[in-house]
Amino acid sequence: MSFETLLVAVRDRVATITVNRPDKRNALSAAVRRELLQALEALRQDDEVRVVVFTGAGDKAFIAGADIAEFAERTPLEQRQAMDDRRPFDQVAAFPKPTIAMINGYCLGGGCELAIACDLRVAARSARLGQPEIKLGILPGGGGTQRLPRLVGFGRAMRLILTGEMVGAEEAERIGLVDLVVDDDALAARTRELAALLASYSPVALRLAKDAVRAALEMPLSAGLRYERELFVTAFTSEDKQEGVRAFLEKRAPEFRGR
């Protein structure tokens, strides 16, 4: 895959999408958003890809927010149209394969919203995260007001959104905004290790497990438990379940095929 603003590499069943605008701190321009959608659609259909990792080029930023210059003169009607179109935040959140944000440097605004749409977040110790939109007289519009409270809790989300302050990686880990903090020089290796672990599992089980956990954000407990039971039974219909059980009994590594 060839893109103007992204680098996409696939290795050992793991795809890495790198936003490649280091001179703009990898800001989310319209071109980046459009190409993210294209890349995600291609990777969704690629059976050889089992995990997708997102990161930013260089060591300054994961994604430092939206490209502010692009909407400086945008009218409310134009902004409504832009937000009614398909958005990468929502497509990442709904992506059927595991997604990991590998956070290097600044992870702000739309960049933070993209990260929290991922399933897992690994941050370099020097990373800084936040939702600074309030400082521009606006609010998070890529899902931050909805996904952030579900991730870190109501009060912490209010503090981050209403103050616009940034937090360091270690505080982000403490409040649940990131899942793992590692030294900067270990970020790529540790993220690859995590991605490789997920890629070794059954794609069927991973997809169903994601569905079940995501349902907990939308359903009452009783409905969620019923949904979990249905997905558990669905897993029993897969070839991967048969292979996993056989491999366990035969004391060997399973060879999952995603069927």
Foldseek 3Di string as FASTA:
>chain_A
DDADQWDWDDDQQEIEIEGEDVVQLSAAEPRNFVVLVVVLVVLLPDLSHQEYEQAYPDQAWRYQYHPCVVCPPPDPVRVVVVLVDDTNLVCQLLRLHAYEYLTGHEQEQVSLSSRLSGPAYEYAQAHKYAYQVVVVVDFRDSCLVPSVCVQQNDVVSCCRGVVVDIDTPVVCCVRRSHVYYDHPVCRVVVVVVVSSVSSLAASLVSSLVSVLVVVVSPDDPVVSVVSNVVSVVVVVVDPRVVQVVVCVVVVHRGDHSND
